[in-house]
Amino acid sequence: MSEDGSGEPRRETKAAWAFVLPDEGATEDLGRFLAEFLLPGDIVALSGGLGGGKTTLARALIRELTGEPELEVPSPTFTLIQPYEGKNGRQIVHADLYRLRGPDELVELGFDEMTETAITLVEWPERLGLRDGPILSVDLSLRPEFGEGSRFARIDGQGGMRARMQRARALRALLDRSGWDEAERILMQGDASSRAYERLVKPDGTRAVLMISPARPDGPPVRNGKPYSAIVKLAESVHAFVGVDRGLRALGFSAPRIYGEDLDEGLLIIEDLGSEPVVDANGPRPERYAEAVRLLAKLHATELPGVLPVADGVDHVLPPYDLEALLFETELLPDWYCPSVLGTSLPAPARSEFVALWAEVLRGVEPERPTWTLRDYHSPNLIWMPEREGLERIGVIDFQDAVLGHPAYDLASLLQDARVDATAEFELRLLGLYVRERRSREPDFDMQGFARAYAVMAAQRATKILGIFARLDKRDGKPAYLAHLPRIEGYLARNLAHPALTRIRLWHEEHLPHLVAKEPAEEGEA
């Protein structure tokens, strides 16, 4: 999905959660609910007097985390620490610190090493001492005035936990009111962004996708007082997805229907368009890519608004994919690719020349009529739906960061897929299809101007992605993206052969000559 996203914890502004648990079943339900949003490294601090329900809550929570509803969960009063193997290889630790005199004794038990990557439930948490990181505090007490067996629960959090808890509560409410409360939730493979996805499956087999896309916090300023996301025009909230989704559907394209939403918390329940790709083991499927090209041609030939309705009184304004954004993205190559992949930094004069050359080239391809640039229009985000007709067979699922930009960008994103080999011959054939489709709708379509812009946009995108994939490895610990670098390097070399990029090609010949001579492998020819 997206190659641009990065996320940070949101500030905790919500109040603590306090409520009555009328019986033991309600306490067990609470344990199952808390298990939904706990992550490795979290600490659950369980407080309360005797009979308050700590054991009942801990047992329900551990059973849910292990996926074993009948698991025996003894009190760790005498063992002090009891480990469990959870679902998906996650570790769980249940600790009772009553017999400890203070946090120093935890060192002898190896507590920190054991719990560093585990979900840890701690009874008598005051023995822990001061702790940083995500902590969920649960205080339980008997409240007979509310009925026999009733308990009062007060839940709070630190280290991002309070916002996470609030989102989980909002999610439960959304599932209930949208009719998906009984659906099984199956974690889907994530992407390079801060979003998360789950597949929802009802008992009758009906499916949907849960999209968890919390508001993007402002990162540190990186230039002119602005954070990275603001400079390159990344979406700040799920409002962008909703607006563009409804805009695409209004045009007759297969974007997901929205079944339920909580815009404040960044939660959407959307149509599951399936998982049949537009590629196979040999690379692009020609007939499917051809339909994806036709979709872009129709979109780009349409007069499109720059403001999209999201909800009553709420609009989303598509930001311009302007020179500042495009130029800043090219700088990811000298800032990340060169030092992280090549092991060297460019001299300051060479870097300045690189930026100046790119600024000159990008100014020469500013579009007369900007169009919706979906920005991540490539194989991971396109679904083939053979049961539909015409262009509706192409399902489009990722457009959160859409902007107003040049139509050539998305075509380059598709035909120079960062994850799929596409030969120059295949690319040229589909470029010809795009031009024919545009001319059929706009007889005065400027083919030469578009070809020039295509080469520039494709080169900009390859330059950017080399930097992004290097950053994902170096900063975010995701080395798998490095496997795609040879392909992207080959695309860049192909693009630099265009006369519009002559001066940038000469710069590469002097400073990064390996990015001029390389061509992608032919094994993915379609």
Protein backbone atom coordinates (compact mmCIF):
# COMPACT_ATOMS: atom_id res chain seq x y z
CA MET A 1 0.00 0.00 0.00
CA SER A 2 1.39 3.45 0.72
CA GLU A 3 5.14 3.98 0.52
CA ASP A 4 5.14 7.39 2.19
CA GLY A 5 3.51 7.04 5.60
CA SER A 6 5.07 7.31 8.99
CA GLY A 7 3.27 7.58 12.32
CA GLU A 8 3.82 8.61 15.91
CA PRO A 9 1.68 8.22 19.05
CA ARG A 10 -1.06 10.76 19.45
CA ARG A 11 -1.20 12.98 22.51
CA GLU A 12 -3.36 11.58 25.27
CA THR A 13 -6.27 13.91 25.89
CA LYS A 14 -9.15 11.59 26.78
CA ALA A 15 -10.37 11.15 30.34
CA ALA A 16 -9.99 7.96 32.33
CA TRP A 17 -12.73 5.35 31.90
CA ALA A 18 -14.87 4.45 34.94
CA PHE A 19 -17.90 2.14 35.00
CA VAL A 20 -19.72 -0.62 36.94
CA LEU A 21 -19.26 -4.33 36.19
CA PRO A 22 -22.56 -5.89 37.34
CA ASP A 23 -21.33 -9.49 37.54
CA GLU A 24 -18.41 -11.84 36.92
CA GLY A 25 -19.39 -12.24 33.27
CA ALA A 26 -18.99 -8.53 32.73
CA THR A 27 -15.50 -8.71 34.26
CA GLU A 28 -14.60 -11.50 31.85
CA ASP A 29 -15.98 -9.48 28.94
CA LEU A 30 -13.75 -6.60 30.00
CA GLY A 31 -10.71 -8.89 29.92
CA ARG A 32 -11.54 -10.02 26.40
CA PHE A 33 -12.01 -6.42 25.32
CA LEU A 34 -8.67 -5.28 26.75
CA ALA A 35 -6.92 -8.10 24.90
CA GLU A 36 -7.98 -6.54 21.59
CA PHE A 37 -5.56 -3.63 21.76
CA LEU A 38 -2.65 -4.85 23.88
CA LEU A 39 0.74 -5.07 22.17
CA PRO A 40 4.13 -6.61 23.02
CA GLY A 41 5.90 -4.41 25.56
CA ASP A 42 2.67 -3.31 27.25
CA ILE A 43 2.17 -3.55 31.01
CA VAL A 44 -1.28 -4.04 32.52
CA ALA A 45 -1.17 -2.83 36.13
CA LEU A 46 -3.95 -4.62 38.10
CA SER A 47 -4.89 -3.00 41.40
CA GLY A 48 -7.65 -3.55 43.94
CA GLY A 49 -8.42 -5.26 47.20
CA LEU A 50 -9.19 -8.90 47.89
CA GLY A 51 -12.23 -10.09 45.97
CA GLY A 52 -12.06 -7.13 43.62
CA GLY A 53 -11.88 -9.35 40.54
CA LYS A 54 -8.22 -9.13 39.54
CA THR A 55 -7.91 -12.90 39.16
CA THR A 56 -11.10 -13.15 37.09
CA LEU A 57 -9.97 -10.34 34.82
CA ALA A 58 -6.44 -11.73 34.42
CA ARG A 59 -7.74 -15.21 33.63
CA ALA A 60 -10.11 -13.92 30.93
CA LEU A 61 -7.42 -11.72 29.44
CA ILE A 62 -4.80 -14.50 29.30
CA ARG A 63 -7.26 -16.98 27.81
CA GLU A 64 -8.13 -14.50 25.09
CA LEU A 65 -4.49 -13.71 24.34
CA THR A 66 -3.59 -17.40 24.13
CA GLY A 67 -6.71 -18.40 22.23
CA GLU A 68 -7.38 -21.15 24.78
CA PRO A 69 -10.77 -20.54 26.47
CA GLU A 70 -10.30 -23.44 28.91
CA LEU A 71 -6.69 -22.69 29.86
CA GLU A 72 -5.86 -23.15 33.54
CA VAL A 73 -4.57 -19.83 34.84
CA PRO A 74 -3.32 -20.24 38.42
CA SER A 75 -2.48 -17.27 40.59
CA PRO A 76 1.28 -16.52 40.49
CA THR A 77 1.29 -15.71 44.21
CA PHE A 78 3.98 -18.32 44.94
CA THR A 79 5.79 -18.55 41.58
CA LEU A 80 5.81 -14.72 41.36
CA ILE A 81 6.08 -14.84 37.56
CA GLN A 82 4.15 -17.16 35.24
CA PRO A 83 4.85 -17.05 31.45
CA TYR A 84 2.47 -18.12 28.67
CA GLU A 85 2.74 -18.60 24.93
CA GLY A 86 0.18 -16.41 23.18
CA LYS A 87 -1.30 -16.36 19.69
CA ASN A 88 1.02 -15.43 16.82
CA GLY A 89 4.05 -16.23 18.96
CA ARG A 90 3.41 -13.37 21.39
CA GLN A 91 4.68 -13.84 24.91
CA ILE A 92 2.51 -13.20 27.97
CA VAL A 93 3.74 -12.78 31.54
CA HIS A 94 1.51 -12.81 34.64
CA ALA A 95 3.25 -11.50 37.76
CA ASP A 96 2.19 -11.14 41.39
CA LEU A 97 4.64 -8.86 43.20
CA TYR A 98 3.01 -8.96 46.65
CA ARG A 99 5.95 -10.74 48.28
CA LEU A 100 8.55 -8.37 46.82
CA ARG A 101 9.89 -5.60 49.02
CA GLY A 102 10.75 -3.29 46.13
CA PRO A 103 11.75 -2.95 42.49
CA ASP A 104 15.38 -3.92 43.16
CA GLU A 105 14.34 -7.53 43.63
CA LEU A 106 12.92 -7.58 40.10
CA VAL A 107 16.46 -7.48 38.74
CA GLU A 108 17.28 -10.78 40.42
CA LEU A 109 14.20 -12.34 38.84
CA GLY A 110 15.19 -11.17 35.34
CA PHE A 111 11.87 -9.35 35.11
CA ASP A 112 12.88 -6.70 32.59
CA GLU A 113 14.45 -9.19 30.18
CA MET A 114 11.44 -11.50 30.41
CA THR A 115 8.86 -8.77 29.86
CA GLU A 116 10.63 -6.53 27.32
CA THR A 117 8.69 -7.99 24.37
CA ALA A 118 5.80 -9.56 26.30
CA ILE A 119 2.34 -8.44 27.31
CA THR A 120 2.73 -8.28 31.07
CA LEU A 121 -0.05 -8.43 33.67
CA VAL A 122 1.13 -7.23 37.07
CA GLU A 123 -0.73 -7.55 40.34
CA TRP A 124 0.54 -5.25 43.12
CA PRO A 125 2.07 -2.94 40.48
CA GLU A 126 3.26 -0.42 43.08
CA ARG A 127 6.23 -2.78 43.58
CA LEU A 128 7.34 -1.98 40.02
CA GLY A 129 8.50 1.54 40.83
CA LEU A 130 8.32 4.27 38.20
CA ARG A 131 8.11 2.99 34.64
CA ASP A 132 8.08 4.55 31.21
CA GLY A 133 6.31 3.12 28.19
CA PRO A 134 2.77 1.89 27.59
CA ILE A 135 0.99 1.08 30.87
CA LEU A 136 -2.69 0.28 31.23
CA SER A 137 -3.86 0.81 34.82
CA VAL A 138 -6.92 -1.18 35.91
CA ASP A 139 -8.30 -0.66 39.40
CA LEU A 140 -11.13 -2.96 40.55
CA SER A 141 -13.17 -2.72 43.75
CA LEU A 142 -16.29 -4.35 45.17
CA ARG A 143 -19.40 -2.16 45.05
CA PRO A 144 -22.29 -3.99 46.77
CA GLU A 145 -24.42 -0.86 46.57
CA PHE A 146 -24.76 -1.56 42.83
CA GLY A 147 -25.86 -5.14 43.42
CA GLU A 148 -24.42 -8.36 44.79
CA GLY A 149 -21.21 -9.33 42.99
CA SER A 150 -20.86 -5.97 41.25
CA ARG A 151 -17.51 -4.25 40.90
CA PHE A 152 -16.36 -0.78 39.99
CA ALA A 153 -13.62 -0.46 37.36
CA ARG A 154 -11.43 2.54 36.69
CA ILE A 155 -9.11 2.31 33.69
CA ASP A 156 -6.43 4.76 32.62
CA GLY A 157 -3.22 4.66 30.62
CA GLN A 158 0.10 6.26 29.82
CA GLY A 159 2.62 6.05 27.01
CA GLY A 160 0.01 6.17 24.25
CA MET A 161 -2.23 3.67 26.03
CA ARG A 162 -5.08 6.07 26.78
CA ALA A 163 -5.51 7.03 23.12
CA ARG A 164 -5.31 3.35 22.15
CA MET A 165 -7.98 2.46 24.70
CA GLN A 166 -10.24 5.26 23.46
CA ARG A 167 -9.86 4.02 19.90
CA ALA A 168 -10.71 0.48 20.96
CA ARG A 169 -13.87 1.73 22.68
CA ALA A 170 -14.83 3.70 19.58
CA LEU A 171 -14.16 0.65 17.44
CA ARG A 172 -16.37 -1.56 19.56
CA ALA A 173 -19.16 1.03 19.28
CA LEU A 174 -18.69 1.28 15.51
CA LEU A 175 -18.86 -2.50 15.06
CA ASP A 176 -22.03 -2.63 17.17
CA ARG A 177 -23.93 0.11 15.34
CA SER A 178 -22.80 -1.08 11.90
CA GLY A 179 -23.90 -4.67 12.44
CA TRP A 180 -20.40 -6.17 12.48
CA ASP A 181 -20.18 -6.87 16.23
CA GLU A 182 -20.26 -10.66 15.76
CA ALA A 183 -17.67 -10.72 12.99
CA GLU A 184 -14.34 -12.47 13.42
CA ARG A 185 -11.43 -10.06 13.12
CA ILE A 186 -8.44 -11.32 11.12
CA LEU A 187 -5.28 -9.21 10.94
CA MET A 188 -4.30 -8.39 7.37
CA GLN A 189 -0.78 -7.78 6.14
CA GLY A 190 0.22 -4.17 6.72
CA ASP A 191 2.17 -1.78 4.55
CA ALA A 192 4.78 0.89 4.97
CA SER A 193 2.34 3.34 6.51
CA SER A 194 0.85 3.94 9.96
CA ARG A 195 -2.48 2.39 8.94
CA ALA A 196 -3.65 -1.07 9.97
CA TYR A 197 -6.21 -3.37 8.40
CA GLU A 198 -8.32 -6.28 9.60
CA ARG A 199 -10.65 -8.52 7.63
CA LEU A 200 -14.10 -8.82 9.21
CA VAL A 201 -15.94 -12.11 8.61
CA LYS A 202 -19.53 -12.57 9.82
CA PRO A 203 -20.82 -16.01 10.82
CA ASP A 204 -22.60 -16.23 7.44
CA GLY A 205 -19.33 -15.56 5.58
CA THR A 206 -20.04 -11.92 4.66
CA ARG A 207 -16.80 -9.94 4.58
CA ALA A 208 -15.61 -6.40 5.02
CA VAL A 209 -12.34 -4.63 5.82
CA LEU A 210 -11.70 -2.66 8.97
CA MET A 211 -9.36 0.27 8.33
CA ILE A 212 -7.64 1.79 11.36
CA SER A 213 -6.12 5.11 10.32
CA PRO A 214 -5.60 7.43 13.30
CA ALA A 215 -4.93 11.09 12.66
CA ARG A 216 -1.34 11.71 11.64
CA PRO A 217 0.50 13.78 14.25
CA ASP A 218 2.80 16.55 13.18
CA GLY A 219 6.37 15.37 13.27
CA PRO A 220 9.33 17.62 14.01
CA PRO A 221 9.87 20.54 11.64
CA VAL A 222 12.35 19.65 8.92
CA ARG A 223 12.28 22.74 6.72
CA ASN A 224 10.82 26.23 7.02
CA GLY A 225 9.09 25.24 10.24
CA LYS A 226 7.06 22.51 8.51
CA PRO A 227 7.10 18.74 9.18
CA TYR A 228 7.83 16.20 6.46
CA SER A 229 4.18 15.19 6.06
CA ALA A 230 3.09 18.79 5.44
CA ILE A 231 5.80 19.42 2.87
CA VAL A 232 5.09 16.31 0.77
CA LYS A 233 1.32 16.62 1.29
CA LEU A 234 0.52 13.41 3.16
CA ALA A 235 -3.05 13.09 4.46
CA GLU A 236 -3.54 14.12 8.06
CA SER A 237 -6.70 12.10 8.72
CA VAL A 238 -9.08 9.52 7.31
CA HIS A 239 -11.21 12.36 5.92
CA ALA A 240 -9.00 12.30 2.81
CA PHE A 241 -9.76 8.64 2.12
CA VAL A 242 -13.50 9.16 2.59
CA GLY A 243 -13.65 12.18 0.29
CA VAL A 244 -11.65 10.61 -2.55
CA ASP A 245 -13.44 7.28 -2.13
CA ARG A 246 -16.83 8.87 -2.62
CA GLY A 247 -15.48 10.94 -5.50
CA LEU A 248 -14.19 7.85 -7.32
CA ARG A 249 -17.42 5.98 -6.76
CA ALA A 250 -19.41 8.93 -8.09
CA LEU A 251 -17.40 8.62 -11.32
CA GLY A 252 -18.35 4.93 -11.61
CA PHE A 253 -15.05 3.44 -10.44
CA SER A 254 -14.75 0.50 -8.04
CA ALA A 255 -13.54 2.10 -4.84
CA PRO A 256 -14.79 0.39 -1.65
CA ARG A 257 -18.24 1.20 -0.31
CA ILE A 258 -18.11 2.59 3.23
CA TYR A 259 -20.33 0.60 5.61
CA GLY A 260 -19.47 2.44 8.82
CA GLU A 261 -17.23 5.25 9.99
CA ASP A 262 -15.88 7.09 12.99
CA LEU A 263 -14.05 10.01 11.45
CA ASP A 264 -12.73 11.40 14.74
CA GLU A 265 -10.98 8.14 15.62
CA GLY A 266 -9.94 7.29 12.06
CA LEU A 267 -12.01 4.10 11.81
CA LEU A 268 -13.74 2.83 8.68
CA ILE A 269 -15.56 -0.37 7.78
CA ILE A 270 -15.26 -0.69 4.03
CA GLU A 271 -16.20 -3.10 1.29
CA ASP A 272 -13.87 -6.07 0.80
CA LEU A 273 -13.05 -5.99 -2.92
CA GLY A 274 -11.26 -9.33 -2.71
CA SER A 275 -7.64 -10.24 -3.23
CA GLU A 276 -7.23 -11.26 -6.88
CA PRO A 277 -4.21 -9.31 -8.15
CA VAL A 278 -3.44 -7.71 -11.49
CA VAL A 279 -0.12 -9.60 -11.57
CA ASP A 280 0.94 -13.22 -11.42
CA ALA A 281 4.22 -15.07 -10.87
CA ASN A 282 5.45 -13.88 -14.29
CA GLY A 283 4.72 -10.20 -13.67
CA PRO A 284 1.96 -7.91 -14.98
CA ARG A 285 -1.17 -9.50 -16.47
CA PRO A 286 -1.44 -7.55 -19.77
CA GLU A 287 -5.24 -7.47 -20.01
CA ARG A 288 -5.58 -6.34 -16.41
CA TYR A 289 -2.93 -3.66 -16.73
CA ALA A 290 -4.64 -2.46 -19.89
CA GLU A 291 -7.89 -1.90 -17.99
CA ALA A 292 -5.96 -0.08 -15.25
CA VAL A 293 -4.48 2.19 -17.94
CA ARG A 294 -7.92 2.84 -19.44
CA LEU A 295 -9.21 3.78 -16.00
CA LEU A 296 -6.50 6.43 -15.65
CA ALA A 297 -7.19 7.77 -19.14
CA LYS A 298 -10.88 8.22 -18.32
CA LEU A 299 -10.08 9.81 -14.94
CA HIS A 300 -7.54 12.23 -16.42
CA ALA A 301 -9.86 13.28 -19.24
CA THR A 302 -12.56 14.27 -16.75
CA GLU A 303 -12.93 17.72 -15.21
CA LEU A 304 -12.49 17.00 -11.51
CA PRO A 305 -13.19 19.11 -8.41
CA GLY A 306 -10.48 20.04 -5.95
CA VAL A 307 -12.83 19.97 -2.96
CA LEU A 308 -14.65 16.77 -1.99
CA PRO A 309 -17.49 16.35 0.52
CA VAL A 310 -16.76 14.06 3.47
CA ALA A 311 -19.71 14.57 5.85
CA ASP A 312 -22.32 17.23 6.55
CA GLY A 313 -20.42 20.50 6.75
CA VAL A 314 -17.04 18.74 6.29
CA ASP A 315 -15.01 18.89 3.07
CA HIS A 316 -11.60 17.62 2.05
CA VAL A 317 -9.42 19.94 -0.01
CA LEU A 318 -7.00 18.09 -2.26
CA PRO A 319 -3.58 19.71 -1.80
CA PRO A 320 -1.43 20.57 -4.83
CA TYR A 321 1.45 18.24 -5.66
CA ASP A 322 3.60 21.32 -6.04
CA LEU A 323 7.26 22.01 -6.71
CA GLU A 324 8.07 22.09 -2.99
CA ALA A 325 6.68 18.58 -2.47
CA LEU A 326 8.16 17.03 -5.61
CA LEU A 327 11.57 18.58 -5.05
CA PHE A 328 11.74 17.64 -1.39
CA GLU A 329 10.99 14.02 -2.33
CA THR A 330 13.94 13.89 -4.74
CA GLU A 331 16.20 14.90 -1.86
CA LEU A 332 15.46 11.56 -0.20
CA LEU A 333 18.04 10.06 -2.56
CA PRO A 334 21.06 12.09 -1.33
CA ASP A 335 19.74 12.10 2.25
CA TRP A 336 18.99 8.37 2.64
CA TYR A 337 19.94 6.28 -0.38
CA CYS A 338 23.48 7.57 -0.74
CA PRO A 339 24.63 7.22 2.90
CA SER A 340 22.55 4.13 3.77
CA VAL A 341 22.90 2.05 0.61
CA LEU A 342 26.10 3.36 -0.99
CA GLY A 343 27.84 4.17 2.28
CA THR A 344 28.82 7.66 1.23
CA SER A 345 27.42 11.16 1.44
CA LEU A 346 27.37 13.57 -1.47
CA PRO A 347 29.63 16.63 -1.18
CA ALA A 348 27.63 19.77 -0.50
CA PRO A 349 28.27 21.32 -3.98
CA ALA A 350 27.12 18.12 -5.71
CA ARG A 351 23.96 17.98 -3.59
CA SER A 352 23.15 21.62 -4.31
CA GLU A 353 23.61 21.05 -8.04
CA PHE A 354 21.33 17.96 -7.84
CA VAL A 355 18.55 20.00 -6.24
CA ALA A 356 18.93 22.89 -8.67
CA LEU A 357 18.78 20.61 -11.71
CA TRP A 358 15.66 18.89 -10.43
CA ALA A 359 13.98 22.22 -9.68
CA GLU A 360 14.61 23.35 -13.25
CA VAL A 361 13.25 20.14 -14.77
CA LEU A 362 10.16 20.00 -12.56
CA ARG A 363 9.23 23.60 -13.36
CA GLY A 364 9.14 22.58 -17.00
CA VAL A 365 6.37 20.01 -16.56
CA GLU A 366 3.83 21.81 -14.39
CA PRO A 367 0.39 20.69 -15.62
CA GLU A 368 -1.99 23.17 -17.20
CA ARG A 369 -4.92 21.27 -15.71
CA PRO A 370 -3.95 19.30 -12.59
CA THR A 371 -5.88 16.12 -12.01
CA TRP A 372 -6.44 13.71 -9.14
CA THR A 373 -3.12 12.00 -8.52
CA LEU A 374 -3.93 8.93 -6.43
CA ARG A 375 -0.20 8.52 -5.74
CA ASP A 376 -0.12 4.82 -4.93
CA TYR A 377 -1.71 3.49 -8.11
CA HIS A 378 0.27 0.28 -8.50
CA SER A 379 -0.17 -3.48 -8.27
CA PRO A 380 -0.48 -3.91 -4.46
CA ASN A 381 -3.44 -1.51 -4.48
CA LEU A 382 -5.32 -2.77 -7.52
CA ILE A 383 -7.79 -5.66 -7.29
CA TRP A 384 -9.12 -7.60 -10.28
CA MET A 385 -12.86 -8.29 -10.06
CA PRO A 386 -13.88 -10.43 -13.06
CA GLU A 387 -17.51 -10.55 -11.94
CA ARG A 388 -17.89 -6.86 -12.82
CA GLU A 389 -17.94 -5.17 -16.23
CA GLY A 390 -15.52 -2.84 -18.01
CA LEU A 391 -13.47 -0.45 -15.91
CA GLU A 392 -15.36 -1.56 -12.79
CA ARG A 393 -13.24 -4.71 -12.90
CA ILE A 394 -10.36 -2.66 -11.47
CA GLY A 395 -10.76 -2.21 -7.73
CA VAL A 396 -8.83 0.74 -6.30
CA ILE A 397 -8.09 0.54 -2.58
CA ASP A 398 -5.42 3.09 -1.60
CA PHE A 399 -5.73 6.80 -2.29
CA GLN A 400 -5.38 8.28 1.20
CA ASP A 401 -2.64 10.65 0.06
CA ALA A 402 -4.24 11.78 -3.20
CA VAL A 403 -3.24 15.23 -4.44
CA LEU A 404 -3.82 17.50 -7.43
CA GLY A 405 -0.93 16.82 -9.75
CA HIS A 406 0.24 15.76 -13.19
CA PRO A 407 -1.62 12.86 -14.87
CA ALA A 408 1.71 11.28 -15.83
CA TYR A 409 2.56 10.48 -12.20
CA ASP A 410 0.01 7.72 -11.64
CA LEU A 411 0.69 6.18 -15.05
CA ALA A 412 4.39 5.99 -14.15
CA SER A 413 3.45 4.51 -10.77
CA LEU A 414 1.58 1.72 -12.56
CA LEU A 415 3.96 1.01 -15.44
CA GLN A 416 7.15 1.25 -13.37
CA ASP A 417 5.87 -0.75 -10.42
CA ALA A 418 8.42 -0.81 -7.63
CA ARG A 419 7.58 -4.46 -6.85
CA VAL A 420 7.06 -5.94 -10.32
CA ASP A 421 9.41 -6.17 -13.29
CA ALA A 422 8.01 -4.43 -16.36
CA THR A 423 10.09 -4.32 -19.54
CA ALA A 424 10.56 -1.20 -21.62
CA GLU A 425 8.63 -2.83 -24.49
CA PHE A 426 5.64 -3.58 -22.23
CA GLU A 427 5.75 -0.07 -20.78
CA LEU A 428 5.85 1.52 -24.24
CA ARG A 429 2.92 -0.58 -25.44
CA LEU A 430 0.72 0.56 -22.56
CA LEU A 431 1.87 4.15 -22.91
CA GLY A 432 0.58 3.95 -26.47
CA LEU A 433 -2.75 2.61 -25.19
CA TYR A 434 -3.04 5.51 -22.75
CA VAL A 435 -2.36 8.06 -25.49
CA ARG A 436 -4.97 6.49 -27.80
CA GLU A 437 -7.55 6.49 -25.00
CA ARG A 438 -6.84 10.13 -24.15
CA ARG A 439 -7.02 11.18 -27.82
CA SER A 440 -10.35 9.41 -28.23
CA ARG A 441 -11.71 11.68 -25.49
CA GLU A 442 -9.56 14.76 -26.18
CA PRO A 443 -8.51 15.05 -29.86
CA ASP A 444 -6.06 17.86 -29.05
CA PHE A 445 -4.23 15.83 -26.39
CA ASP A 446 -0.53 16.84 -26.40
CA MET A 447 1.29 13.53 -26.85
CA GLN A 448 4.80 15.01 -26.99
CA GLY A 449 4.29 17.13 -23.89
CA PHE A 450 2.86 14.16 -22.03
CA ALA A 451 5.79 11.92 -23.03
CA ARG A 452 8.22 14.50 -21.66
CA ALA A 453 6.26 14.83 -18.41
CA TYR A 454 6.01 11.05 -18.11
CA ALA A 455 9.80 10.66 -18.22
CA VAL A 456 10.26 13.40 -15.61
CA MET A 457 7.55 12.12 -13.27
CA ALA A 458 8.80 8.54 -13.58
CA ALA A 459 12.36 9.64 -12.80
CA GLN A 460 11.18 11.73 -9.85
CA ARG A 461 9.22 8.80 -8.48
CA ALA A 462 12.11 6.35 -8.88
CA THR A 463 14.46 8.83 -7.21
CA LYS A 464 12.05 9.28 -4.32
CA ILE A 465 11.42 5.56 -3.81
CA LEU A 466 15.12 4.76 -3.72
CA GLY A 467 15.32 7.15 -0.77
CA ILE A 468 12.13 5.91 0.89
CA PHE A 469 13.11 2.23 0.71
CA ALA A 470 16.57 3.04 2.09
CA ARG A 471 14.88 4.97 4.92
CA LEU A 472 12.51 2.09 5.65
CA ASP A 473 15.56 -0.13 6.10
CA LYS A 474 17.81 2.24 8.04
CA ARG A 475 15.31 4.11 10.19
CA ASP A 476 12.38 1.72 10.49
CA GLY A 477 14.14 -1.65 10.52
CA LYS A 478 12.41 -2.99 7.38
CA PRO A 479 15.23 -4.41 5.22
CA ALA A 480 12.87 -6.36 2.92
CA TYR A 481 12.38 -3.21 0.83
CA LEU A 482 16.04 -3.29 -0.21
CA ALA A 483 15.28 -6.27 -2.47
CA HIS A 484 13.41 -3.91 -4.81
CA LEU A 485 16.27 -1.43 -5.23
CA PRO A 486 17.84 -3.04 -8.35
CA ARG A 487 14.50 -2.86 -10.16
CA ILE A 488 13.97 0.79 -9.23
CA GLU A 489 17.56 1.66 -10.14
CA GLY A 490 16.88 0.14 -13.56
CA TYR A 491 13.73 2.22 -14.00
CA LEU A 492 15.65 5.36 -13.12
CA ALA A 493 18.33 4.55 -15.68
CA ARG A 494 15.62 4.02 -18.30
CA ASN A 495 14.02 7.38 -17.52
CA LEU A 496 17.30 9.29 -17.50
CA ALA A 497 17.78 8.39 -21.16
CA HIS A 498 15.04 10.86 -22.13
CA PRO A 499 16.34 14.18 -23.56
CA ALA A 500 14.32 16.14 -21.00
CA LEU A 501 16.61 14.73 -18.31
CA THR A 502 19.95 15.14 -20.08
CA ARG A 503 21.52 17.43 -17.47
CA ILE A 504 20.38 15.22 -14.59
CA ARG A 505 21.74 12.18 -16.46
CA LEU A 506 25.12 13.93 -16.83
CA TRP A 507 25.07 14.70 -13.10
CA HIS A 508 24.50 11.01 -12.38
CA GLU A 509 27.28 9.99 -14.75
CA GLU A 510 29.64 12.09 -12.65
CA HIS A 511 28.40 11.31 -9.13
CA LEU A 512 26.27 8.11 -9.26
CA PRO A 513 27.24 6.40 -12.52
CA HIS A 514 25.70 3.05 -11.56
CA LEU A 515 22.25 4.69 -11.85
CA VAL A 516 22.81 5.45 -15.52
CA ALA A 517 24.03 2.17 -16.93
CA LYS A 518 21.59 -0.24 -15.28
CA GLU A 519 18.52 -1.87 -16.87
CA PRO A 520 15.89 -4.02 -15.11
CA ALA A 521 15.85 -7.79 -15.54
CA GLU A 522 13.90 -9.13 -18.53
CA GLU A 523 12.41 -12.11 -16.70
CA GLY A 524 9.18 -10.25 -15.94
CA GLU A 525 8.42 -9.49 -19.61
CA ALA A 526 4.73 -9.41 -20.31
